[in-house]
């Protein structure tokens, strides 16, 4: 299951469509809080999340998952590129960091990397 967390419905829908076209199951959430309260959190193979959202941010979501002992590969997507934030998320174990708008092929490469890291238990460099 690929979870998609973004406050922009058009981004959620487009990303879900792409993920499903690749043959994966996908679930969408309008907020980090909604995702954390869902029953799919334990079955998430990869999380694609926006960086800036009302309420809990993508970084706060990453920190919460780590604190809870959940090692879910995360791909960040954002319209607000900040090199320090990008480095911070990647150091904390993110599988990817994409600037909106991004090419489908870029997301697919990040997803492939994330799913490989999920199978082995660690991100491949």
PDB file of N, CA and C in Angstrom:
ATOM      1  N   UNK A   1       0.843  -1.181   0.000  1.00  0.00           N
ATOM      2  CA  UNK A   1       0.000   0.000   0.000  1.00  0.00           C
ATOM      3  C   UNK A   1       0.888   1.245   0.000  1.00  0.00           C
ATOM      4  N   UNK A   2       0.621   2.130  -0.934  1.00  0.00           N
ATOM      5  CA  UNK A   2       1.316   3.415  -1.006  1.00  0.00           C
ATOM      6  C   UNK A   2       0.362   4.465  -0.455  1.00  0.00           C
ATOM      7  N   UNK A   3       0.786   5.183   0.577  1.00  0.00           N
ATOM      8  CA  UNK A   3      -0.035   6.244   1.175  1.00  0.00           C
ATOM      9  C   UNK A   3       0.412   7.586   0.618  1.00  0.00           C
ATOM     10  N   UNK A   4      -0.573   8.409   0.273  1.00  0.00           N
ATOM     11  CA  UNK A   4      -0.303   9.736  -0.288  1.00  0.00           C
ATOM     12  C   UNK A   4      -0.954  10.767   0.625  1.00  0.00           C
ATOM     13  N   UNK A   5      -0.148  11.656   1.184  1.00  0.00           N
ATOM     14  CA  UNK A   5      -0.640  12.677   2.102  1.00  0.00           C
ATOM     15  C   UNK A   5      -0.335  14.047   1.504  1.00  0.00           C
ATOM     16  N   UNK A   6      -1.390  14.778   1.151  1.00  0.00           N
ATOM     17  CA  UNK A   6      -1.224  16.115   0.581  1.00  0.00           C
ATOM     18  C   UNK A   6      -2.528  16.869   0.776  1.00  0.00           C
ATOM     19  N   UNK A   7      -2.445  18.122   1.150  1.00  0.00           N
ATOM     20  CA  UNK A   7      -3.658  18.915   1.361  1.00  0.00           C
ATOM     21  C   UNK A   7      -4.289  19.378   0.049  1.00  0.00           C
ATOM     22  N   UNK A   8      -3.596  19.207  -1.074  1.00  0.00           N
ATOM     23  CA  UNK A   8      -4.101  19.599  -2.391  1.00  0.00           C
ATOM     24  C   UNK A   8      -4.747  18.382  -3.061  1.00  0.00           C
ATOM     25  N   UNK A   9      -6.064  18.429  -3.222  1.00  0.00           N
ATOM     26  CA  UNK A   9      -6.794  17.279  -3.772  1.00  0.00           C
ATOM     27  C   UNK A   9      -6.325  16.919  -5.174  1.00  0.00           C
ATOM     28  N   UNK A  10      -5.963  17.896  -5.990  1.00  0.00           N
ATOM     29  CA  UNK A  10      -5.520  17.580  -7.351  1.00  0.00           C
ATOM     30  C   UNK A  10      -4.196  16.818  -7.337  1.00  0.00           C
ATOM     31  N   UNK A  11      -3.296  17.167  -6.431  1.00  0.00           N
ATOM     32  CA  UNK A  11      -2.027  16.444  -6.306  1.00  0.00           C
ATOM     33  C   UNK A  11      -2.292  15.023  -5.800  1.00  0.00           C
ATOM     34  N   UNK A  12      -3.157  14.896  -4.796  1.00  0.00           N
ATOM     35  CA  UNK A  12      -3.500  13.568  -4.278  1.00  0.00           C
ATOM     36  C   UNK A  12      -4.059  12.679  -5.381  1.00  0.00           C
ATOM     37  N   UNK A  13      -5.013  13.213  -6.129  1.00  0.00           N
ATOM     38  CA  UNK A  13      -5.662  12.418  -7.174  1.00  0.00           C
ATOM     39  C   UNK A  13      -4.699  12.046  -8.297  1.00  0.00           C
ATOM     40  N   UNK A  14      -3.896  12.993  -8.739  1.00  0.00           N
ATOM     41  CA  UNK A  14      -2.943  12.715  -9.821  1.00  0.00           C
ATOM     42  C   UNK A  14      -1.905  11.678  -9.377  1.00  0.00           C
ATOM     43  N   UNK A  15      -1.422  11.815  -8.161  1.00  0.00           N
ATOM     44  CA  UNK A  15      -0.422  10.874  -7.648  1.00  0.00           C
ATOM     45  C   UNK A  15      -1.040   9.490  -7.477  1.00  0.00           C
ATOM     46  N   UNK A  16      -2.261   9.436  -6.959  1.00  0.00           N
ATOM     47  CA  UNK A  16      -2.952   8.150  -6.802  1.00  0.00           C
ATOM     48  C   UNK A  16      -3.135   7.479  -8.160  1.00  0.00           C
ATOM     49  N   UNK A  17      -3.521   8.250  -9.160  1.00  0.00           N
ATOM     50  CA  UNK A  17      -3.710   7.698 -10.505  1.00  0.00           C
ATOM     51  C   UNK A  17      -2.399   7.108 -11.038  1.00  0.00           C
ATOM     52  N   UNK A  18      -1.303   7.828 -10.868  1.00  0.00           N
ATOM     53  CA  UNK A  18       0.000   7.344 -11.315  1.00  0.00           C
ATOM     54  C   UNK A  18       0.374   6.059 -10.584  1.00  0.00           C
ATOM     55  N   UNK A  19       0.230   6.047  -9.278  1.00  0.00           N
ATOM     56  CA  UNK A  19       0.602   4.880  -8.472  1.00  0.00           C
ATOM     57  C   UNK A  19      -0.221   3.665  -8.881  1.00  0.00           C
ATOM     58  N   UNK A  20      -1.507   3.870  -9.056  1.00  0.00           N
ATOM     59  CA  UNK A  20      -2.374   2.751  -9.464  1.00  0.00           C
ATOM     60  C   UNK A  20      -2.057   2.280 -10.879  1.00  0.00           C
ATOM     61  N   UNK A  21      -1.640   3.196 -11.770  1.00  0.00           N
ATOM     62  CA  UNK A  21      -1.286   2.796 -13.138  1.00  0.00           C
ATOM     63  C   UNK A  21      -0.043   1.906 -13.137  1.00  0.00           C
ATOM     64  N   UNK A  22       0.756   1.979 -12.078  1.00  0.00           N
ATOM     65  CA  UNK A  22       1.944   1.141 -11.936  1.00  0.00           C
ATOM     66  C   UNK A  22       1.619  -0.210 -11.304  1.00  0.00           C
ATOM     67  N   UNK A  23       0.354  -0.391 -10.916  1.00  0.00           N
ATOM     68  CA  UNK A  23      -0.077  -1.665 -10.351  1.00  0.00           C
ATOM     69  C   UNK A  23      -0.063  -1.733  -8.840  1.00  0.00           C
ATOM     70  N   UNK A  24       0.145  -0.606  -8.175  1.00  0.00           N
ATOM     71  CA  UNK A  24       0.171  -0.583  -6.712  1.00  0.00           C
ATOM     72  C   UNK A  24      -1.165  -0.105  -6.153  1.00  0.00           C
ATOM     73  N   UNK A  25      -1.479  -0.558  -4.958  1.00  0.00           N
ATOM     74  CA  UNK A  25      -2.638  -0.037  -4.238  1.00  0.00           C
ATOM     75  C   UNK A  25      -2.235   1.309  -3.642  1.00  0.00           C
ATOM     76  N   UNK A  26      -3.177   2.239  -3.616  1.00  0.00           N
ATOM     77  CA  UNK A  26      -2.882   3.570  -3.078  1.00  0.00           C
ATOM     78  C   UNK A  26      -4.060   4.065  -2.254  1.00  0.00           C
ATOM     79  N   UNK A  27      -3.728   4.790  -1.201  1.00  0.00           N
ATOM     80  CA  UNK A  27      -4.743   5.438  -0.370  1.00  0.00           C
ATOM     81  C   UNK A  27      -4.311   6.881  -0.173  1.00  0.00           C
ATOM     82  N   UNK A  28      -5.288   7.793  -0.168  1.00  0.00           N
ATOM     83  CA  UNK A  28      -4.970   9.212  -0.040  1.00  0.00           C
ATOM     84  C   UNK A  28      -5.519   9.780   1.255  1.00  0.00           C
ATOM     85  N   UNK A  29      -4.816  10.805   1.739  1.00  0.00           N
ATOM     86  CA  UNK A  29      -5.181  11.469   2.979  1.00  0.00           C
ATOM     87  C   UNK A  29      -4.941  12.965   2.824  1.00  0.00           C
ATOM     88  N   UNK A  30      -5.862  13.770   3.340  1.00  0.00           N
ATOM     89  CA  UNK A  30      -5.775  15.221   3.221  1.00  0.00           C
ATOM     90  C   UNK A  30      -4.847  15.845   4.255  1.00  0.00           C
ATOM     91  N   UNK A  31      -4.439  15.064   5.259  1.00  0.00           N
ATOM     92  CA  UNK A  31      -3.568  15.611   6.301  1.00  0.00           C
ATOM     93  C   UNK A  31      -2.751  14.495   6.941  1.00  0.00           C
ATOM     94  N   UNK A  32      -1.669  14.891   7.584  1.00  0.00           N
ATOM     95  CA  UNK A  32      -0.840  13.935   8.314  1.00  0.00           C
ATOM     96  C   UNK A  32      -1.635  13.307   9.453  1.00  0.00           C
ATOM     97  N   UNK A  33      -2.447  14.108  10.097  1.00  0.00           N
ATOM     98  CA  UNK A  33      -3.252  13.602  11.207  1.00  0.00           C
ATOM     99  C   UNK A  33      -4.218  12.522  10.736  1.00  0.00           C
ATOM    100  N   UNK A  34      -4.831  12.749   9.569  1.00  0.00           N
ATOM    101  CA  UNK A  34      -5.761  11.755   9.008  1.00  0.00           C
ATOM    102  C   UNK A  34      -5.022  10.443   8.729  1.00  0.00           C
ATOM    103  N   UNK A  35      -3.830  10.538   8.183  1.00  0.00           N
ATOM    104  CA  UNK A  35      -3.038   9.335   7.921  1.00  0.00           C
ATOM    105  C   UNK A  35      -2.700   8.606   9.216  1.00  0.00           C
ATOM    106  N   UNK A  36      -2.243   9.344  10.218  1.00  0.00           N
ATOM    107  CA  UNK A  36      -1.851   8.721  11.485  1.00  0.00           C
ATOM    108  C   UNK A  36      -3.018   8.016  12.172  1.00  0.00           C
ATOM    109  N   UNK A  37      -4.229   8.467  11.922  1.00  0.00           N
ATOM    110  CA  UNK A  37      -5.410   7.856  12.533  1.00  0.00           C
ATOM    111  C   UNK A  37      -5.978   6.716  11.688  1.00  0.00           C
ATOM    112  N   UNK A  38      -5.390   6.473  10.527  1.00  0.00           N
ATOM    113  CA  UNK A  38      -5.931   5.458   9.616  1.00  0.00           C
ATOM    114  C   UNK A  38      -5.546   4.051  10.066  1.00  0.00           C
ATOM    115  N   UNK A  39      -6.251   3.088   9.483  1.00  0.00           N
ATOM    116  CA  UNK A  39      -5.951   1.692   9.789  1.00  0.00           C
ATOM    117  C   UNK A  39      -4.956   1.080   8.806  1.00  0.00           C
ATOM    118  N   UNK A  40      -4.420   1.880   7.881  1.00  0.00           N
ATOM    119  CA  UNK A  40      -3.454   1.334   6.925  1.00  0.00           C
ATOM    120  C   UNK A  40      -2.006   1.656   7.291  1.00  0.00           C
ATOM    121  N   UNK A  41      -1.809   2.382   8.367  1.00  0.00           N
ATOM    122  CA  UNK A  41      -0.455   2.823   8.715  1.00  0.00           C
ATOM    123  C   UNK A  41       0.517   1.646   8.824  1.00  0.00           C
ATOM    124  N   UNK A  42       0.068   0.531   9.409  1.00  0.00           N
ATOM    125  CA  UNK A  42       0.960  -0.622   9.551  1.00  0.00           C
ATOM    126  C   UNK A  42       1.204  -1.352   8.238  1.00  0.00           C
ATOM    127  N   UNK A  43       0.353  -1.153   7.251  1.00  0.00           N
ATOM    128  CA  UNK A  43       0.509  -1.811   5.964  1.00  0.00           C
ATOM    129  C   UNK A  43       1.099  -0.918   4.890  1.00  0.00           C
ATOM    130  N   UNK A  44       1.615   0.241   5.282  1.00  0.00           N
ATOM    131  CA  UNK A  44       2.170   1.180   4.310  1.00  0.00           C
ATOM    132  C   UNK A  44       3.567   0.755   3.893  1.00  0.00           C
ATOM    133  N   UNK A  45       3.741   0.540   2.584  1.00  0.00           N
ATOM    134  CA  UNK A  45       5.057   0.187   2.036  1.00  0.00           C
ATOM    135  C   UNK A  45       5.880   1.422   1.720  1.00  0.00           C
ATOM    136  N   UNK A  46       5.187   2.521   1.416  1.00  0.00           N
ATOM    137  CA  UNK A  46       5.850   3.779   1.101  1.00  0.00           C
ATOM    138  C   UNK A  46       4.865   4.910   1.357  1.00  0.00           C
ATOM    139  N   UNK A  47       5.382   6.013   1.845  1.00  0.00           N
ATOM    140  CA  UNK A  47       4.581   7.205   2.118  1.00  0.00           C
ATOM    141  C   UNK A  47       5.081   8.334   1.226  1.00  0.00           C
ATOM    142  N   UNK A  48       4.159   8.928   0.477  1.00  0.00           N
ATOM    143  CA  UNK A  48       4.463  10.113  -0.325  1.00  0.00           C
ATOM    144  C   UNK A  48       3.740  11.262   0.349  1.00  0.00           C
ATOM    145  N   UNK A  49       4.478  12.259   0.805  1.00  0.00           N
ATOM    146  CA  UNK A  49       3.853  13.344   1.559  1.00  0.00           C
ATOM    147  C   UNK A  49       4.343  14.716   1.139  1.00  0.00           C
ATOM    148  N   UNK A  50       3.414  15.648   1.193  1.00  0.00           N
ATOM    149  CA  UNK A  50       3.756  17.051   0.988  1.00  0.00           C
ATOM    150  C   UNK A  50       4.577  17.506   2.181  1.00  0.00           C
ATOM    151  N   UNK A  51       5.392  18.491   1.974  1.00  0.00           N
ATOM    152  CA  UNK A  51       6.213  19.031   3.048  1.00  0.00           C
ATOM    153  C   UNK A  51       5.423  20.013   3.904  1.00  0.00           C
ATOM    154  N   UNK A  52       4.743  20.947   3.251  1.00  0.00           N
ATOM    155  CA  UNK A  52       3.984  21.984   3.972  1.00  0.00           C
ATOM    156  C   UNK A  52       2.493  21.723   3.840  1.00  0.00           C
ATOM    157  N   UNK A  53       1.866  21.545   5.002  1.00  0.00           N
ATOM    158  CA  UNK A  53       0.422  21.327   5.058  1.00  0.00           C
ATOM    159  C   UNK A  53      -0.107  22.003   6.311  1.00  0.00           C
ATOM    160  N   UNK A  54      -1.387  22.359   6.311  1.00  0.00           N
ATOM    161  CA  UNK A  54      -1.976  22.869   7.550  1.00  0.00           C
ATOM    162  C   UNK A  54      -1.893  21.791   8.632  1.00  0.00           C
ATOM    163  N   UNK A  55      -1.744  22.202   9.867  1.00  0.00           N
ATOM    164  CA  UNK A  55      -1.589  21.214  10.934  1.00  0.00           C
ATOM    165  C   UNK A  55      -0.180  20.671  10.928  1.00  0.00           C
ATOM    166  N   UNK A  56      -0.065  19.352  11.018  1.00  0.00           N
ATOM    167  CA  UNK A  56       1.233  18.688  11.057  1.00  0.00           C
ATOM    168  C   UNK A  56       1.891  18.728   9.677  1.00  0.00           C
ATOM    169  N   UNK A  57       3.149  19.140   9.641  1.00  0.00           N
ATOM    170  CA  UNK A  57       3.899  19.194   8.380  1.00  0.00           C
ATOM    171  C   UNK A  57       4.424  17.798   8.024  1.00  0.00           C
ATOM    172  N   UNK A  58       4.937  17.671   6.823  1.00  0.00           N
ATOM    173  CA  UNK A  58       5.547  16.418   6.412  1.00  0.00           C
ATOM    174  C   UNK A  58       6.749  16.053   7.267  1.00  0.00           C
ATOM    175  N   UNK A  59       7.541  17.049   7.636  1.00  0.00           N
ATOM    176  CA  UNK A  59       8.702  16.786   8.499  1.00  0.00           C
ATOM    177  C   UNK A  59       8.247  16.307   9.874  1.00  0.00           C
ATOM    178  N   UNK A  60       7.223  16.944  10.410  1.00  0.00           N
ATOM    179  CA  UNK A  60       6.697  16.512  11.711  1.00  0.00           C
ATOM    180  C   UNK A  60       6.137  15.095  11.619  1.00  0.00           C
ATOM    181  N   UNK A  61       5.527  14.770  10.486  1.00  0.00           N
ATOM    182  CA  UNK A  61       5.028  13.405  10.272  1.00  0.00           C
ATOM    183  C   UNK A  61       6.199  12.429  10.266  1.00  0.00           C
ATOM    184  N   UNK A  62       7.254  12.752   9.548  1.00  0.00           N
ATOM    185  CA  UNK A  62       8.445  11.899   9.525  1.00  0.00           C
ATOM    186  C   UNK A  62       8.992  11.706  10.940  1.00  0.00           C
ATOM    187  N   UNK A  63       9.114  12.794  11.686  1.00  0.00           N
ATOM    188  CA  UNK A  63       9.636  12.717  13.056  1.00  0.00           C
ATOM    189  C   UNK A  63       8.743  11.847  13.942  1.00  0.00           C
ATOM    190  N   UNK A  64       7.445  11.979  13.786  1.00  0.00           N
ATOM    191  CA  UNK A  64       6.489  11.188  14.578  1.00  0.00           C
ATOM    192  C   UNK A  64       6.618   9.703  14.254  1.00  0.00           C
ATOM    193  N   UNK A  65       6.703   9.377  12.984  1.00  0.00           N
ATOM    194  CA  UNK A  65       6.842   7.972  12.595  1.00  0.00           C
ATOM    195  C   UNK A  65       8.135   7.376  13.143  1.00  0.00           C
ATOM    196  N   UNK A  66       9.223   8.118  13.059  1.00  0.00           N
ATOM    197  CA  UNK A  66      10.506   7.659  13.590  1.00  0.00           C
ATOM    198  C   UNK A  66      10.403   7.463  15.098  1.00  0.00           C
ATOM    199  N   UNK A  67       9.813   8.439  15.795  1.00  0.00           N
ATOM    200  CA  UNK A  67       9.661   8.350  17.252  1.00  0.00           C
ATOM    201  C   UNK A  67       8.813   7.147  17.653  1.00  0.00           C
ATOM    202  N   UNK A  68       7.838   6.797  16.807  1.00  0.00           N
ATOM    203  CA  UNK A  68       6.971   5.645  17.078  1.00  0.00           C
ATOM    204  C   UNK A  68       7.599   4.322  16.646  1.00  0.00           C
ATOM    205  N   UNK A  69       8.839   4.384  16.119  1.00  0.00           N
ATOM    206  CA  UNK A  69       9.533   3.177  15.705  1.00  0.00           C
ATOM    207  C   UNK A  69       9.092   2.632  14.359  1.00  0.00           C
ATOM    208  N   UNK A  70       8.444   3.460  13.553  1.00  0.00           N
ATOM    209  CA  UNK A  70       7.969   3.030  12.232  1.00  0.00           C
ATOM    210  C   UNK A  70       8.988   3.465  11.183  1.00  0.00           C
ATOM    211  N   UNK A  71       9.520   2.497  10.468  1.00  0.00           N
ATOM    212  CA  UNK A  71      10.522   2.781   9.425  1.00  0.00           C
ATOM    213  C   UNK A  71       9.867   2.657   8.058  1.00  0.00           C
ATOM    214  N   UNK A  72       9.053   3.622   7.735  1.00  0.00           N
ATOM    215  CA  UNK A  72       8.350   3.650   6.457  1.00  0.00           C
ATOM    216  C   UNK A  72       9.155   4.522   5.493  1.00  0.00           C
ATOM    217  N   UNK A  73       9.498   4.002   4.320  1.00  0.00           N
ATOM    218  CA  UNK A  73      10.177   4.854   3.341  1.00  0.00           C
ATOM    219  C   UNK A  73       9.276   6.039   2.966  1.00  0.00           C
ATOM    220  N   UNK A  74       9.856   7.231   2.961  1.00  0.00           N
ATOM    221  CA  UNK A  74       9.092   8.450   2.701  1.00  0.00           C
ATOM    222  C   UNK A  74       9.682   9.195   1.513  1.00  0.00           C
ATOM    223  N   UNK A  75       8.781   9.643   0.638  1.00  0.00           N
ATOM    224  CA  UNK A  75       9.145  10.526  -0.463  1.00  0.00           C
ATOM    225  C   UNK A  75       8.451  11.860  -0.202  1.00  0.00           C
ATOM    226  N   UNK A  76       9.224  12.918  -0.082  1.00  0.00           N
ATOM    227  CA  UNK A  76       8.668  14.249   0.133  1.00  0.00           C
ATOM    228  C   UNK A  76       8.453  14.934  -1.206  1.00  0.00           C
ATOM    229  N   UNK A  77       7.329  15.637  -1.319  1.00  0.00           N
ATOM    230  CA  UNK A  77       7.066  16.479  -2.485  1.00  0.00           C
ATOM    231  C   UNK A  77       6.721  17.874  -1.966  1.00  0.00           C
ATOM    232  N   UNK A  78       7.234  18.894  -2.645  1.00  0.00           N
ATOM    233  CA  UNK A  78       7.007  20.246  -2.155  1.00  0.00           C
ATOM    234  C   UNK A  78       7.099  21.283  -3.266  1.00  0.00           C
ATOM    235  N   UNK A  79       6.371  22.341  -3.089  1.00  0.00           N
ATOM    236  CA  UNK A  79       6.469  23.495  -3.988  1.00  0.00           C
ATOM    237  C   UNK A  79       7.442  24.518  -3.419  1.00  0.00           C
ATOM    238  N   UNK A  80       7.940  24.262  -2.217  1.00  0.00           N
ATOM    239  CA  UNK A  80       8.818  25.197  -1.518  1.00  0.00           C
ATOM    240  C   UNK A  80      10.169  24.540  -1.278  1.00  0.00           C
ATOM    241  N   UNK A  81      11.067  24.699  -2.235  1.00  0.00           N
ATOM    242  CA  UNK A  81      12.375  24.068  -2.147  1.00  0.00           C
ATOM    243  C   UNK A  81      13.250  24.807  -1.135  1.00  0.00           C
ATOM    244  N   UNK A  82      13.782  24.057  -0.211  1.00  0.00           N
ATOM    245  CA  UNK A  82      14.705  24.582   0.790  1.00  0.00           C
ATOM    246  C   UNK A  82      15.790  23.520   0.953  1.00  0.00           C
ATOM    247  N   UNK A  83      16.994  23.858   0.565  1.00  0.00           N
ATOM    248  CA  UNK A  83      18.078  22.875   0.567  1.00  0.00           C
ATOM    249  C   UNK A  83      18.354  22.322   1.965  1.00  0.00           C
ATOM    250  N   UNK A  84      18.269  23.156   2.994  1.00  0.00           N
ATOM    251  CA  UNK A  84      18.497  22.676   4.364  1.00  0.00           C
ATOM    252  C   UNK A  84      17.442  21.662   4.777  1.00  0.00           C
ATOM    253  N   UNK A  85      16.190  21.916   4.420  1.00  0.00           N
ATOM    254  CA  UNK A  85      15.103  20.979   4.735  1.00  0.00           C
ATOM    255  C   UNK A  85      15.303  19.686   3.955  1.00  0.00           C
ATOM    256  N   UNK A  86      15.668  19.799   2.691  1.00  0.00           N
ATOM    257  CA  UNK A  86      15.908  18.602   1.871  1.00  0.00           C
ATOM    258  C   UNK A  86      16.980  17.729   2.510  1.00  0.00           C
ATOM    259  N   UNK A  87      18.100  18.332   2.879  1.00  0.00           N
ATOM    260  CA  UNK A  87      19.177  17.573   3.521  1.00  0.00           C
ATOM    261  C   UNK A  87      18.706  16.944   4.832  1.00  0.00           C
ATOM    262  N   UNK A  88      17.958  17.692   5.607  1.00  0.00           N
ATOM    263  CA  UNK A  88      17.460  17.196   6.902  1.00  0.00           C
ATOM    264  C   UNK A  88      16.575  15.964   6.719  1.00  0.00           C
ATOM    265  N   UNK A  89      15.651  16.013   5.766  1.00  0.00           N
ATOM    266  CA  UNK A  89      14.746  14.879   5.569  1.00  0.00           C
ATOM    267  C   UNK A  89      15.502  13.655   5.041  1.00  0.00           C
ATOM    268  N   UNK A  90      16.450  13.890   4.145  1.00  0.00           N
ATOM    269  CA  UNK A  90      17.219  12.774   3.602  1.00  0.00           C
ATOM    270  C   UNK A  90      18.124  12.156   4.666  1.00  0.00           C
ATOM    271  N   UNK A  91      18.731  12.986   5.514  1.00  0.00           N
ATOM    272  CA  UNK A  91      19.556  12.454   6.616  1.00  0.00           C
ATOM    273  C   UNK A  91      18.719  11.621   7.578  1.00  0.00           C
ATOM    274  N   UNK A  92      17.459  11.986   7.735  1.00  0.00           N
ATOM    275  CA  UNK A  92      16.572  11.250   8.633  1.00  0.00           C
ATOM    276  C   UNK A  92      16.010   9.990   7.980  1.00  0.00           C
ATOM    277  N   UNK A  93      16.406   9.741   6.715  1.00  0.00           N
ATOM    278  CA  UNK A  93      16.033   8.495   6.076  1.00  0.00           C
ATOM    279  C   UNK A  93      15.047   8.575   4.932  1.00  0.00           C
ATOM    280  N   UNK A  94      14.679   9.775   4.503  1.00  0.00           N
ATOM    281  CA  UNK A  94      13.745   9.894   3.381  1.00  0.00           C
ATOM    282  C   UNK A  94      14.330   9.230   2.136  1.00  0.00           C
ATOM    283  N   UNK A  95      13.456   8.640   1.346  1.00  0.00           N
ATOM    284  CA  UNK A  95      13.884   7.976   0.105  1.00  0.00           C
ATOM    285  C   UNK A  95      13.965   8.936  -1.073  1.00  0.00           C
ATOM    286  N   UNK A  96      13.338  10.088  -0.937  1.00  0.00           N
ATOM    287  CA  UNK A  96      13.357  11.049  -2.025  1.00  0.00           C
ATOM    288  C   UNK A  96      12.800  12.382  -1.608  1.00  0.00           C
ATOM    289  N   UNK A  97      13.108  13.392  -2.406  1.00  0.00           N
ATOM    290  CA  UNK A  97      12.652  14.761  -2.150  1.00  0.00           C
ATOM    291  C   UNK A  97      12.477  15.409  -3.511  1.00  0.00           C
ATOM    292  N   UNK A  98      11.226  15.650  -3.895  1.00  0.00           N
ATOM    293  CA  UNK A  98      10.925  16.180  -5.220  1.00  0.00           C
ATOM    294  C   UNK A  98      10.284  17.551  -5.135  1.00  0.00           C
ATOM    295  N   UNK A  99      10.674  18.429  -6.043  1.00  0.00           N
ATOM    296  CA  UNK A  99      10.069  19.753  -6.121  1.00  0.00           C
ATOM    297  C   UNK A  99       8.904  19.719  -7.102  1.00  0.00           C
ATOM    298  N   UNK A 100       7.769  20.285  -6.689  1.00  0.00           N
ATOM    299  CA  UNK A 100       6.601  20.389  -7.566  1.00  0.00           C
ATOM    300  C   UNK A 100       6.836  21.540  -8.540  1.00  0.00           C
ATOM    301  N   UNK A 101       6.441  21.408  -9.764  1.00  0.00           N
ATOM    302  CA  UNK A 101       5.936  20.184 -10.379  1.00  0.00           C
ATOM    303  C   UNK A 101       7.109  19.260 -10.708  1.00  0.00           C
ATOM    304  N   UNK A 102       6.858  17.971 -10.678  1.00  0.00           N
ATOM    305  CA  UNK A 102       7.907  17.002 -10.977  1.00  0.00           C
ATOM    306  C   UNK A 102       7.419  16.065 -12.086  1.00  0.00           C
ATOM    307  N   UNK A 103       8.372  15.474 -12.756  1.00  0.00           N
ATOM    308  CA  UNK A 103       8.071  14.520 -13.819  1.00  0.00           C
ATOM    309  C   UNK A 103       7.659  13.192 -13.186  1.00  0.00           C
ATOM    310  N   UNK A 104       6.710  12.511 -13.810  1.00  0.00           N
ATOM    311  CA  UNK A 104       6.288  11.196 -13.328  1.00  0.00           C
ATOM    312  C   UNK A 104       7.483  10.261 -13.175  1.00  0.00           C
ATOM    313  N   UNK A 105       8.409  10.314 -14.132  1.00  0.00           N
ATOM    314  CA  UNK A 105       9.576   9.424 -14.102  1.00  0.00           C
ATOM    315  C   UNK A 105      10.409   9.633 -12.840  1.00  0.00           C
ATOM    316  N   UNK A 106      10.488  10.860 -12.358  1.00  0.00           N
ATOM    317  CA  UNK A 106      11.246  11.139 -11.125  1.00  0.00           C
ATOM    318  C   UNK A 106      10.579  10.481  -9.931  1.00  0.00           C
ATOM    319  N   UNK A 107       9.261  10.584  -9.849  1.00  0.00           N
ATOM    320  CA  UNK A 107       8.539   9.948  -8.753  1.00  0.00           C
ATOM    321  C   UNK A 107       8.668   8.431  -8.844  1.00  0.00           C
ATOM    322  N   UNK A 108       8.601   7.901 -10.034  1.00  0.00           N
ATOM    323  CA  UNK A 108       8.721   6.448 -10.219  1.00  0.00           C
ATOM    324  C   UNK A 108      10.101   5.969  -9.755  1.00  0.00           C
ATOM    325  N   UNK A 109      11.164   6.706 -10.088  1.00  0.00           N
ATOM    326  CA  UNK A 109      12.511   6.340  -9.623  1.00  0.00           C
ATOM    327  C   UNK A 109      12.594   6.361  -8.099  1.00  0.00           C
ATOM    328  N   UNK A 110      12.026   7.390  -7.485  1.00  0.00           N
ATOM    329  CA  UNK A 110      12.031   7.472  -6.022  1.00  0.00           C
ATOM    330  C   UNK A 110      11.220   6.330  -5.414  1.00  0.00           C
ATOM    331  N   UNK A 111      10.099   6.011  -6.018  1.00  0.00           N
ATOM    332  CA  UNK A 111       9.249   4.929  -5.530  1.00  0.00           C
ATOM    333  C   UNK A 111       9.984   3.589  -5.631  1.00  0.00           C
ATOM    334  N   UNK A 112      10.656   3.357  -6.754  1.00  0.00           N
ATOM    335  CA  UNK A 112      11.442   2.123  -6.903  1.00  0.00           C
ATOM    336  C   UNK A 112      12.490   2.022  -5.805  1.00  0.00           C
ATOM    337  N   UNK A 113      13.185   3.106  -5.540  1.00  0.00           N
ATOM    338  CA  UNK A 113      14.207   3.135  -4.486  1.00  0.00           C
ATOM    339  C   UNK A 113      13.569   2.869  -3.125  1.00  0.00           C
ATOM    340  N   UNK A 114      12.447   3.511  -2.857  1.00  0.00           N
ATOM    341  CA  UNK A 114      11.769   3.347  -1.567  1.00  0.00           C
ATOM    342  C   UNK A 114      11.309   1.914  -1.363  1.00  0.00           C
ATOM    343  N   UNK A 115      10.757   1.313  -2.381  1.00  0.00           N
ATOM    344  CA  UNK A 115      10.257  -0.051  -2.241  1.00  0.00           C
ATOM    345  C   UNK A 115      11.393  -1.051  -2.118  1.00  0.00           C
ATOM    346  N   UNK A 116      12.534  -0.781  -2.740  1.00  0.00           N
ATOM    347  CA  UNK A 116      13.709  -1.636  -2.551  1.00  0.00           C
ATOM    348  C   UNK A 116      14.225  -1.526  -1.127  1.00  0.00           C
ATOM    349  N   UNK A 117      14.215  -0.313  -0.576  1.00  0.00           N
ATOM    350  CA  UNK A 117      14.680  -0.136   0.802  1.00  0.00           C
ATOM    351  C   UNK A 117      13.726  -0.799   1.773  1.00  0.00           C
ATOM    352  N   UNK A 118      12.428  -0.807   1.449  1.00  0.00           N
ATOM    353  CA  UNK A 118      11.441  -1.435   2.315  1.00  0.00           C
ATOM    354  C   UNK A 118      11.650  -2.943   2.364  1.00  0.00           C
ATOM    355  N   UNK A 119      12.034  -3.548   1.253  1.00  0.00           N
ATOM    356  CA  UNK A 119      12.261  -4.997   1.204  1.00  0.00           C
ATOM    357  C   UNK A 119      13.495  -5.408   1.986  1.00  0.00           C
ATOM    358  N   UNK A 120      14.524  -4.572   1.974  1.00  0.00           N
ATOM    359  CA  UNK A 120      15.786  -4.947   2.606  1.00  0.00           C
ATOM    360  C   UNK A 120      15.924  -4.393   4.019  1.00  0.00           C
ATOM    361  N   UNK A 121      15.070  -3.441   4.366  1.00  0.00           N
ATOM    362  CA  UNK A 121      15.147  -2.846   5.693  1.00  0.00           C
ATOM    363  C   UNK A 121      16.048  -1.635   5.778  1.00  0.00           C
ATOM    364  N   UNK A 122      16.708  -1.295   4.692  1.00  0.00           N
ATOM    365  CA  UNK A 122      17.528  -0.088   4.691  1.00  0.00           C
ATOM    366  C   UNK A 122      17.560   0.499   3.289  1.00  0.00           C
ATOM    367  N   UNK A 123      17.763   1.779   3.231  1.00  0.00           N
ATOM    368  CA  UNK A 123      17.795   2.468   1.927  1.00  0.00           C
ATOM    369  C   UNK A 123      19.097   2.139   1.221  1.00  0.00           C
ATOM    370  N   UNK A 124      18.973   1.819  -0.043  1.00  0.00           N
ATOM    371  CA  UNK A 124      20.161   1.575  -0.849  1.00  0.00           C
ATOM    372  C   UNK A 124      20.661   2.909  -1.380  1.00  0.00           C
ATOM    373  N   UNK A 125      21.947   3.119  -1.332  1.00  0.00           N
ATOM    374  CA  UNK A 125      22.537   4.373  -1.796  1.00  0.00           C
ATOM    375  C   UNK A 125      23.028   4.223  -3.208  1.00  0.00           C
TER     376      UNK A 125
END
